[in-house]
C-alpha atoms as a PDB file:
ATOM      1  CA  MET A   1      19.558   2.019 -12.229  1.00  0.00           C
ATOM      2  CA  ASP A   2      17.122   3.902  -9.996  1.00  0.00           C
ATOM      3  CA  ILE A   3      13.770   2.900  -8.476  1.00  0.00           C
ATOM      4  CA  VAL A   4      11.724   4.143 -11.439  1.00  0.00           C
ATOM      5  CA  GLU A   5      13.774   2.027 -13.845  1.00  0.00           C
ATOM      6  CA  LEU A   6      13.611  -0.929 -11.493  1.00  0.00           C
ATOM      7  CA  VAL A   7       9.801  -0.865 -11.258  1.00  0.00           C
ATOM      8  CA  GLN A   8       9.533  -0.556 -15.020  1.00  0.00           C
ATOM      9  CA  ASN A   9      12.273  -3.026 -16.034  1.00  0.00           C
ATOM     10  CA  GLU A  10      11.559  -5.617 -13.351  1.00  0.00           C
ATOM     11  CA  GLU A  11       7.763  -5.469 -13.615  1.00  0.00           C
ATOM     12  CA  GLU A  12       7.319  -9.128 -14.566  1.00  0.00           C
ATOM     13  CA  ALA A  13       9.510 -10.338 -11.693  1.00  0.00           C
ATOM     14  CA  ILE A  14       7.743  -8.007  -9.246  1.00  0.00           C
ATOM     15  CA  VAL A  15       4.308  -9.183 -10.390  1.00  0.00           C
ATOM     16  CA  ALA A  16       5.345 -12.859 -10.352  1.00  0.00           C
ATOM     17  CA  GLU A  17       6.608 -12.613  -6.777  1.00  0.00           C
ATOM     18  CA  ALA A  18       3.548 -10.670  -5.629  1.00  0.00           C
ATOM     19  CA  LEU A  19       1.307 -13.232  -7.309  1.00  0.00           C
ATOM     20  CA  THR A  20       2.674 -16.037  -5.150  1.00  0.00           C
ATOM     21  CA  ALA A  21       1.748 -13.982  -2.084  1.00  0.00           C
ATOM     22  CA  VAL A  22      -1.897 -13.440  -3.063  1.00  0.00           C
ATOM     23  CA  THR A  23      -3.046 -16.557  -4.906  1.00  0.00           C
ATOM     24  CA  TRP A  24      -3.795 -18.322  -1.619  1.00  0.00           C
ATOM     25  CA  LEU A  25      -6.223 -15.556  -0.559  1.00  0.00           C
ATOM     26  CA  GLU A  26      -9.860 -16.641  -0.887  1.00  0.00           C
ATOM     27  CA  HIS A  27     -11.115 -14.277  -3.571  1.00  0.00           C
ATOM     28  CA  TYR A  28      -7.855 -14.030  -5.482  1.00  0.00           C
ATOM     29  CA  GLU A  29      -7.679 -17.819  -5.645  1.00  0.00           C
ATOM     30  CA  ARG A  30     -11.297 -17.950  -6.802  1.00  0.00           C
ATOM     31  CA  ASP A  31     -10.730 -15.316  -9.500  1.00  0.00           C
ATOM     32  CA  GLY A  32      -7.676 -17.157 -10.822  1.00  0.00           C
ATOM     33  CA  ALA A  33      -4.017 -16.405 -11.383  1.00  0.00           C
ATOM     34  CA  ASP A  34      -4.521 -14.588 -14.694  1.00  0.00           C
ATOM     35  CA  VAL A  35      -6.941 -12.065 -13.204  1.00  0.00           C
ATOM     36  CA  ALA A  36      -4.745 -11.588 -10.132  1.00  0.00           C
ATOM     37  CA  ARG A  37      -1.663 -11.111 -12.336  1.00  0.00           C
ATOM     38  CA  GLU A  38      -3.372  -8.368 -14.351  1.00  0.00           C
ATOM     39  CA  ARG A  39      -4.565  -6.620 -11.198  1.00  0.00           C
ATOM     40  CA  LEU A  40      -1.072  -6.705  -9.695  1.00  0.00           C
ATOM     41  CA  ARG A  41       0.441  -5.501 -12.972  1.00  0.00           C
ATOM     42  CA  ALA A  42      -1.962  -2.549 -13.060  1.00  0.00           C
ATOM     43  CA  LEU A  43      -1.070  -1.651  -9.472  1.00  0.00           C
ATOM     44  CA  CYS A  44       2.657  -1.981 -10.161  1.00  0.00           C
ATOM     45  CA  ARG A  45       2.363   0.349 -13.160  1.00  0.00           C
ATOM     46  CA  LEU A  46       0.441   2.922 -11.151  1.00  0.00           C
ATOM     47  CA  VAL A  47       3.049   2.794  -8.382  1.00  0.00           C
ATOM     48  CA  GLY A  48       5.743   3.279 -11.016  1.00  0.00           C
ATOM     49  CA  GLN A  49       3.884   6.233 -12.492  1.00  0.00           C
ATOM     50  CA  ALA A  50       3.343   7.787  -9.061  1.00  0.00           C
ATOM     51  CA  ILE A  51       7.011   7.590  -8.110  1.00  0.00           C
ATOM     52  CA  ARG A  52       8.137   8.759 -11.555  1.00  0.00           C
ATOM     53  CA  THR A  53       5.860  11.818 -11.577  1.00  0.00           C
ATOM     54  CA  HIS A  54       5.652  12.384  -7.799  1.00  0.00           C
ATOM     55  CA  ASN A  55       1.891  12.521  -8.286  1.00  0.00           C
ATOM     56  CA  LEU A  56      -0.401  10.209  -6.325  1.00  0.00           C
ATOM     57  CA  GLU A  57      -3.724  11.195  -7.900  1.00  0.00           C
ATOM     58  CA  GLU A  58      -4.161   8.211 -10.233  1.00  0.00           C
ATOM     59  CA  LEU A  59      -2.860   5.710  -7.673  1.00  0.00           C
ATOM     60  CA  LEU A  60      -5.238   7.039  -5.004  1.00  0.00           C
ATOM     61  CA  SER A  61      -8.144   7.090  -7.442  1.00  0.00           C
ATOM     62  CA  HIS A  62      -7.354   3.486  -8.346  1.00  0.00           C
ATOM     63  CA  ALA A  63      -7.205   2.489  -4.672  1.00  0.00           C
ATOM     64  CA  GLY A  64     -10.608   4.048  -3.999  1.00  0.00           C
ATOM     65  CA  ARG A  65     -12.175   2.464  -7.075  1.00  0.00           C
ATOM     66  CA  ILE A  66     -10.703  -0.953  -6.254  1.00  0.00           C
ATOM     67  CA  ALA A  67     -11.946  -0.718  -2.663  1.00  0.00           C
ATOM     68  CA  ARG A  68     -15.493   0.017  -3.784  1.00  0.00           C
ATOM     69  CA  GLU A  69     -15.440  -2.754  -6.407  1.00  0.00           C
ATOM     70  CA  ARG A  70     -13.900  -5.352  -4.117  1.00  0.00           C
ATOM     71  CA  HIS A  71     -16.204  -4.438  -1.229  1.00  0.00           C
ATOM     72  CA  ALA A  72     -19.227  -4.886  -3.494  1.00  0.00           C
ATOM     73  CA  ALA A  73     -17.817  -8.274  -4.595  1.00  0.00           C
ATOM     74  CA  GLY A  74     -17.509  -9.426  -0.973  1.00  0.00           C
ATOM     75  CA  TYR A  75     -13.768  -9.119  -0.510  1.00  0.00           C
ATOM     76  CA  ASP A  76     -12.441  -8.419   2.936  1.00  0.00           C
ATOM     77  CA  ARG A  77     -10.362  -5.248   3.204  1.00  0.00           C
ATOM     78  CA  ALA A  78      -7.427  -7.285   4.498  1.00  0.00           C
ATOM     79  CA  GLU A  79      -7.314  -9.311   1.273  1.00  0.00           C
ATOM     80  CA  VAL A  80      -6.955  -6.212  -0.859  1.00  0.00           C
ATOM     81  CA  VAL A  81      -4.437  -4.617   1.497  1.00  0.00           C
ATOM     82  CA  SER A  82      -2.477  -7.869   1.263  1.00  0.00           C
ATOM     83  CA  ALA A  83      -2.297  -7.477  -2.511  1.00  0.00           C
ATOM     84  CA  PHE A  84      -0.994  -3.910  -2.171  1.00  0.00           C
ATOM     85  CA  SER A  85       1.513  -5.099   0.438  1.00  0.00           C
ATOM     86  CA  ALA A  86       2.613  -7.971  -1.792  1.00  0.00           C
ATOM     87  CA  VAL A  87       3.538  -5.517  -4.550  1.00  0.00           C
ATOM     88  CA  GLU A  88       5.398  -3.351  -2.051  1.00  0.00           C
ATOM     89  CA  GLU A  89       7.333  -6.278  -0.592  1.00  0.00           C
ATOM     90  CA  SER A  90       8.199  -7.580  -4.032  1.00  0.00           C
ATOM     91  CA  ILE A  91       9.560  -4.164  -5.051  1.00  0.00           C
ATOM     92  CA  TRP A  92      11.579  -4.115  -1.826  1.00  0.00           C
ATOM     93  CA  HIS A  93      13.068  -7.544  -2.563  1.00  0.00           C
ATOM     94  CA  ARG A  94      14.021  -6.545  -6.095  1.00  0.00           C
ATOM     95  CA  ALA A  95      15.420  -3.199  -4.927  1.00  0.00           C
ATOM     96  CA  LEU A  96      17.593  -4.805  -2.275  1.00  0.00           C
ATOM     97  CA  SER A  97      19.082  -7.199  -4.809  1.00  0.00           C
ATOM     98  CA  VAL A  98      19.321  -4.896  -7.836  1.00  0.00           C
ATOM     99  CA  LEU A  99      19.651  -1.252  -6.797  1.00  0.00           C
ATOM    100  CA  PRO A 100      23.002   0.222  -5.845  1.00  0.00           C
ATOM    101  CA  PRO A 101      23.112   1.086  -2.118  1.00  0.00           C
ATOM    102  CA  GLN A 102      23.013   4.836  -2.753  1.00  0.00           C
ATOM    103  CA  GLU A 103      19.672   4.475  -4.593  1.00  0.00           C
ATOM    104  CA  ARG A 104      17.881   2.250  -2.084  1.00  0.00           C
ATOM    105  CA  THR A 105      16.908   4.684   0.662  1.00  0.00           C
ATOM    106  CA  TRP A 106      15.428   7.284  -1.657  1.00  0.00           C
ATOM    107  CA  GLY A 107      13.812   4.733  -3.939  1.00  0.00           C
ATOM    108  CA  LEU A 108      12.252   2.649  -1.220  1.00  0.00           C
ATOM    109  CA  GLY A 109      11.121   5.821   0.521  1.00  0.00           C
ATOM    110  CA  LEU A 110       9.222   6.810  -2.625  1.00  0.00           C
ATOM    111  CA  VAL A 111       7.636   3.374  -2.953  1.00  0.00           C
ATOM    112  CA  GLY A 112       6.740   3.172   0.740  1.00  0.00           C
ATOM    113  CA  THR A 113       5.238   6.640   0.764  1.00  0.00           C
ATOM    114  CA  ALA A 114       3.171   6.067  -2.377  1.00  0.00           C
ATOM    115  CA  LEU A 115       1.827   2.748  -1.159  1.00  0.00           C
ATOM    116  CA  ALA A 116       1.158   4.006   2.376  1.00  0.00           C
ATOM    117  CA  HIS A 117      -1.091   6.679   0.908  1.00  0.00           C
ATOM    118  CA  ALA A 118      -2.705   4.124  -1.424  1.00  0.00           C
ATOM    119  CA  LYS A 119      -3.423   1.721   1.453  1.00  0.00           C
ATOM    120  CA  ASP A 120      -4.893   4.577   3.486  1.00  0.00           C
ATOM    121  CA  ALA A 121      -7.151   5.560   0.554  1.00  0.00           C
ATOM    122  CA  LEU A 122      -8.099   1.916   0.147  1.00  0.00           C
ATOM    123  CA  SER A 123      -9.007   1.538   3.821  1.00  0.00           C
ATOM    124  CA  ARG A 124     -11.009   4.743   3.899  1.00  0.00           C
ATOM    125  CA  ALA A 125     -12.951   3.774   0.777  1.00  0.00           C
ATOM    126  CA  PHE A 126     -13.664   0.325   2.237  1.00  0.00           C
ATOM    127  CA  ALA A 127     -14.943   1.970   5.413  1.00  0.00           C
ATOM    128  CA  ASP A 128     -17.069   4.412   3.449  1.00  0.00           C
ATOM    129  CA  ALA A 129     -18.540   1.531   1.439  1.00  0.00           C
ATOM    130  CA  GLY A 130     -19.288  -0.490   4.562  1.00  0.00           C
ATOM    131  CA  THR A 131     -19.885   0.690   8.061  1.00  0.00           C
ATOM    132  CA  GLY A 132     -19.116   4.355   7.547  1.00  0.00           C
ATOM    133  CA  ALA A 133     -16.163   6.685   7.454  1.00  0.00           C
ATOM    134  CA  LEU A 134     -13.020   5.920   9.416  1.00  0.00           C
ATOM    135  CA  PRO A 135     -12.379   8.311  12.264  1.00  0.00           C
ATOM    136  CA  PRO A 136      -9.254  10.399  11.910  1.00  0.00           C
ATOM    137  CA  PHE A 137      -6.059   8.802  13.147  1.00  0.00           C
ATOM    138  CA  VAL A 138      -5.297   9.695  16.742  1.00  0.00           C
ATOM    139  CA  ASP A 139      -1.587   9.794  17.545  1.00  0.00           C
ATOM    140  CA  LEU A 140      -1.190   8.271  20.987  1.00  0.00           C
ATOM    141  CA  THR A 141       2.605   8.343  20.968  1.00  0.00           C
ATOM    142  CA  PRO A 142       2.808  10.232  24.305  1.00  0.00           C
ATOM    143  CA  LEU A 143       1.259   7.241  26.055  1.00  0.00           C
ATOM    144  CA  PHE A 144       4.191   4.968  25.200  1.00  0.00           C
ATOM    145  CA  ARG A 145       7.488   4.907  27.027  1.00  0.00           C
ATOM    146  CA  GLY A 146      10.450   4.858  24.700  1.00  0.00           C
ATOM    147  CA  ALA A 147       8.679   6.805  21.959  1.00  0.00           C
ATOM    148  CA  PRO A 148      10.229  10.008  20.677  1.00  0.00           C
ATOM    149  CA  VAL A 149       9.209  12.973  22.812  1.00  0.00           C
ATOM    150  CA  ARG A 150       6.840  15.395  21.127  1.00  0.00           C
ATOM    151  CA  ARG A 151       6.326  18.766  22.714  1.00  0.00           C
ATOM    152  CA  ASP A 152       3.065  19.540  20.904  1.00  0.00           C
ATOM    153  CA  ARG A 153       1.021  16.936  22.852  1.00  0.00           C
ATOM    154  CA  PHE A 154       0.859  15.973  26.483  1.00  0.00           C
ATOM    155  CA  ARG A 155      -0.732  12.989  28.219  1.00  0.00           C
ATOM    156  CA  GLU A 156      -3.239  15.235  29.899  1.00  0.00           C
ATOM    157  CA  ASP A 157      -4.570  16.200  26.465  1.00  0.00           C
ATOM    158  CA  LEU A 158      -5.371  12.572  25.697  1.00  0.00           C
ATOM    159  CA  VAL A 159      -8.260  12.065  28.099  1.00  0.00           C
ATOM    160  CA  HIS A 160     -10.776   9.696  26.540  1.00  0.00           C
ATOM    161  CA  PRO A 161     -14.376  10.862  27.063  1.00  0.00           C
ATOM    162  CA  VAL A 162     -16.391   8.381  29.076  1.00  0.00           C
END
């Protein structure tokens, strides 16, 4: 079994575990378990499709649409990110117990990459719907001791304008 088969074959278990992680959240609790289950199932299927096809377009489109809808309904961004994270963690749990060791690294890398991009799209769409666009990510790694050394940036380049 590989990660694509796992996400497809273990969908109900993945959704059930993710559901327990989100039903306590304010809006998900209010909307009810059946609605939350269908939302998580839709996300799980899109993650499965993205990792099967190596194409993020539909997953990212979904994340943007969900962000706009949930923002308009009064959801906090953190609630929706929690739902995405719940699906990811549930896939991880299933993968660690079901996948052979040689499949785990690649499979979980695909899932993590797909959902990292989805969460980024979600956050950006929430920001666009609310207070405005998110500024680009600034990598401040050179400021931290113990971080890998990067030769393309130096501390002197990271002067914050006052």
